[in-house]
């Protein structure tokens, strides 16, 4: 079963020795609000780019049309 985005973010935080509270602070959010988003796995694409930036990671979200290989 694939990992949720929330699970992936938690893994990267551990590897970066960063707490969820620190990440929330870097994003200008309360720990409680950010923890709720992690638990609900409820992020906008913009938030995912911001989280990636705060974690010194790259993030790519795209659809690839199977018949034309066009990326959207």
N, C-alpha and C. Protein backbone atom coordinates (compact mmCIF):
# COMPACT_ATOMS: atom_id res chain seq x y z
N UNK A 1 0.84 -1.18 0.00
CA UNK A 1 0.00 0.00 0.00
C UNK A 1 0.88 1.24 0.00
N UNK A 2 0.60 2.20 -0.88
CA UNK A 2 1.44 3.40 -0.96
C UNK A 2 1.35 4.26 0.30
N UNK A 3 2.41 4.95 0.59
CA UNK A 3 2.43 5.87 1.73
C UNK A 3 1.59 7.10 1.41
N UNK A 4 0.95 7.65 2.44
CA UNK A 4 0.24 8.92 2.26
C UNK A 4 1.27 10.04 2.26
N UNK A 5 0.85 11.21 1.82
CA UNK A 5 1.76 12.36 1.83
C UNK A 5 2.15 12.70 3.27
N UNK A 6 1.20 12.59 4.18
CA UNK A 6 1.50 12.85 5.58
C UNK A 6 2.58 11.91 6.11
N UNK A 7 2.49 10.63 5.75
CA UNK A 7 3.51 9.66 6.17
C UNK A 7 4.86 10.00 5.56
N UNK A 8 4.86 10.39 4.30
CA UNK A 8 6.12 10.75 3.64
C UNK A 8 6.76 11.96 4.31
N UNK A 9 5.95 12.95 4.65
CA UNK A 9 6.46 14.16 5.32
C UNK A 9 7.06 13.79 6.67
N UNK A 10 6.40 12.93 7.42
CA UNK A 10 6.91 12.50 8.72
C UNK A 10 8.25 11.77 8.57
N UNK A 11 8.38 10.94 7.56
CA UNK A 11 9.64 10.21 7.32
C UNK A 11 10.77 11.19 7.01
N UNK A 12 10.48 12.16 6.14
CA UNK A 12 11.52 13.13 5.79
C UNK A 12 11.91 13.96 7.00
N UNK A 13 10.93 14.36 7.82
CA UNK A 13 11.25 15.10 9.05
C UNK A 13 12.20 14.30 9.93
N UNK A 14 11.93 13.02 10.11
CA UNK A 14 12.81 12.19 10.94
C UNK A 14 14.21 12.13 10.35
N UNK A 15 14.29 11.99 9.03
CA UNK A 15 15.61 11.92 8.39
C UNK A 15 16.36 13.24 8.47
N UNK A 16 15.61 14.33 8.57
CA UNK A 16 16.20 15.68 8.69
C UNK A 16 16.38 16.10 10.15
N UNK A 17 16.05 15.18 11.08
CA UNK A 17 16.11 15.50 12.52
C UNK A 17 15.31 16.76 12.84
N UNK A 18 14.12 16.84 12.24
CA UNK A 18 13.24 17.98 12.43
C UNK A 18 11.93 17.49 13.03
N UNK A 19 11.44 18.22 14.01
CA UNK A 19 10.15 17.85 14.59
C UNK A 19 9.02 18.43 13.74
N UNK A 20 7.85 17.88 13.94
CA UNK A 20 6.66 18.41 13.26
C UNK A 20 6.42 19.84 13.72
N UNK A 21 6.69 20.12 14.98
CA UNK A 21 6.53 21.49 15.50
C UNK A 21 7.47 22.46 14.79
N UNK A 22 8.71 22.03 14.56
CA UNK A 22 9.67 22.90 13.86
C UNK A 22 9.21 23.15 12.43
N UNK A 23 8.74 22.10 11.76
CA UNK A 23 8.27 22.26 10.39
C UNK A 23 7.06 23.19 10.35
N UNK A 24 6.13 23.00 11.27
CA UNK A 24 4.95 23.86 11.33
C UNK A 24 5.37 25.32 11.52
N UNK A 25 6.32 25.55 12.41
CA UNK A 25 6.81 26.90 12.66
C UNK A 25 7.44 27.50 11.40
N UNK A 26 8.25 26.71 10.71
CA UNK A 26 8.87 27.17 9.46
C UNK A 26 7.83 27.54 8.41
N UNK A 27 6.68 26.88 8.47
CA UNK A 27 5.61 27.12 7.51
C UNK A 27 4.65 28.21 7.97
N UNK A 28 4.87 28.73 9.18
CA UNK A 28 4.00 29.78 9.70
C UNK A 28 2.65 29.26 10.16
N UNK A 29 2.61 28.00 10.58
CA UNK A 29 1.37 27.38 11.04
C UNK A 29 1.53 26.94 12.49
N UNK A 30 0.41 26.78 13.16
CA UNK A 30 0.48 26.22 14.51
C UNK A 30 0.76 24.72 14.40
N UNK A 31 1.36 24.18 15.46
CA UNK A 31 1.64 22.75 15.47
C UNK A 31 0.35 21.96 15.36
N UNK A 32 -0.67 22.41 16.08
CA UNK A 32 -1.95 21.70 16.07
C UNK A 32 -2.57 21.68 14.68
N UNK A 33 -2.59 22.82 14.01
CA UNK A 33 -3.17 22.89 12.67
C UNK A 33 -2.40 22.00 11.70
N UNK A 34 -1.07 22.05 11.77
CA UNK A 34 -0.27 21.25 10.85
C UNK A 34 -0.42 19.76 11.16
N UNK A 35 -0.46 19.40 12.43
CA UNK A 35 -0.66 18.00 12.80
C UNK A 35 -2.00 17.48 12.28
N UNK A 36 -3.03 18.32 12.37
CA UNK A 36 -4.34 17.93 11.84
C UNK A 36 -4.26 17.68 10.34
N UNK A 37 -3.55 18.54 9.61
CA UNK A 37 -3.39 18.35 8.16
C UNK A 37 -2.65 17.05 7.88
N UNK A 38 -1.61 16.77 8.66
CA UNK A 38 -0.87 15.52 8.48
C UNK A 38 -1.77 14.31 8.69
N UNK A 39 -2.56 14.36 9.74
CA UNK A 39 -3.43 13.23 10.06
C UNK A 39 -4.54 13.06 9.04
N UNK A 40 -5.05 14.16 8.51
CA UNK A 40 -6.11 14.08 7.49
C UNK A 40 -5.53 13.87 6.09
N UNK A 41 -4.20 14.07 5.98
CA UNK A 41 -3.53 14.00 4.68
C UNK A 41 -4.20 14.96 3.71
N UNK A 42 -4.32 16.21 4.15
CA UNK A 42 -5.08 17.22 3.44
C UNK A 42 -4.19 18.41 3.12
N UNK A 43 -3.56 18.39 1.94
CA UNK A 43 -2.63 19.45 1.54
C UNK A 43 -2.97 19.92 0.13
N UNK A 44 -2.82 21.21 -0.08
CA UNK A 44 -2.92 21.72 -1.44
C UNK A 44 -1.57 21.51 -2.12
N UNK A 45 -1.57 21.60 -3.42
CA UNK A 45 -0.30 21.47 -4.15
C UNK A 45 0.66 22.57 -3.72
N UNK A 46 0.15 23.77 -3.52
CA UNK A 46 1.00 24.89 -3.09
C UNK A 46 1.64 24.57 -1.74
N UNK A 47 0.87 24.02 -0.81
CA UNK A 47 1.42 23.66 0.50
C UNK A 47 2.49 22.59 0.38
N UNK A 48 2.30 21.64 -0.53
CA UNK A 48 3.31 20.59 -0.71
C UNK A 48 4.62 21.17 -1.22
N UNK A 49 4.54 22.15 -2.11
CA UNK A 49 5.76 22.81 -2.58
C UNK A 49 6.44 23.56 -1.43
N UNK A 50 5.64 24.22 -0.59
CA UNK A 50 6.19 24.95 0.56
C UNK A 50 6.83 23.99 1.57
N UNK A 51 6.17 22.86 1.80
CA UNK A 51 6.72 21.86 2.72
C UNK A 51 8.03 21.31 2.17
N UNK A 52 8.06 21.01 0.90
CA UNK A 52 9.29 20.51 0.27
C UNK A 52 10.42 21.52 0.43
N UNK A 53 10.12 22.78 0.20
CA UNK A 53 11.13 23.83 0.34
C UNK A 53 11.65 23.89 1.78
N UNK A 54 10.75 23.82 2.75
CA UNK A 54 11.15 23.86 4.15
C UNK A 54 11.99 22.63 4.54
N UNK A 55 11.76 21.52 3.85
CA UNK A 55 12.50 20.28 4.14
C UNK A 55 13.73 20.11 3.23
N UNK A 56 14.03 21.13 2.44
CA UNK A 56 15.15 21.08 1.50
C UNK A 56 15.02 19.87 0.57
N UNK A 57 13.83 19.76 -0.03
CA UNK A 57 13.52 18.68 -0.96
C UNK A 57 12.92 19.27 -2.23
N UNK A 58 12.88 18.47 -3.25
CA UNK A 58 12.16 18.81 -4.47
C UNK A 58 10.82 18.11 -4.45
N UNK A 59 9.81 18.74 -5.03
CA UNK A 59 8.49 18.13 -5.12
C UNK A 59 8.00 18.32 -6.54
N UNK A 60 7.41 17.29 -7.09
CA UNK A 60 6.87 17.34 -8.44
C UNK A 60 5.50 16.69 -8.45
N UNK A 61 4.52 17.42 -8.90
CA UNK A 61 3.16 16.87 -9.02
C UNK A 61 2.73 17.04 -10.47
N UNK A 62 2.40 15.93 -11.10
CA UNK A 62 2.00 16.01 -12.50
C UNK A 62 1.19 14.79 -12.89
N UNK A 63 0.41 14.97 -13.90
CA UNK A 63 -0.28 13.86 -14.55
C UNK A 63 0.41 13.64 -15.88
N UNK A 64 0.54 12.39 -16.28
CA UNK A 64 1.11 12.06 -17.58
C UNK A 64 0.05 11.28 -18.35
N UNK A 65 -0.36 11.83 -19.47
CA UNK A 65 -1.35 11.17 -20.29
C UNK A 65 -0.72 9.95 -20.95
N UNK A 66 -1.27 8.77 -20.70
CA UNK A 66 -0.66 7.52 -21.18
C UNK A 66 -0.58 7.42 -22.70
N UNK A 67 -1.55 7.98 -23.38
CA UNK A 67 -1.55 7.82 -24.85
C UNK A 67 -0.60 8.79 -25.55
N UNK A 68 -0.34 9.96 -24.94
CA UNK A 68 0.51 10.95 -25.60
C UNK A 68 1.79 11.28 -24.82
N UNK A 69 1.88 10.77 -23.60
CA UNK A 69 3.00 11.10 -22.69
C UNK A 69 3.08 12.59 -22.36
N UNK A 70 2.01 13.32 -22.62
CA UNK A 70 1.97 14.75 -22.28
C UNK A 70 1.87 14.90 -20.77
N UNK A 71 2.70 15.79 -20.22
CA UNK A 71 2.71 16.06 -18.78
C UNK A 71 1.89 17.30 -18.51
N UNK A 72 1.01 17.19 -17.54
CA UNK A 72 0.16 18.33 -17.17
C UNK A 72 0.30 18.55 -15.68
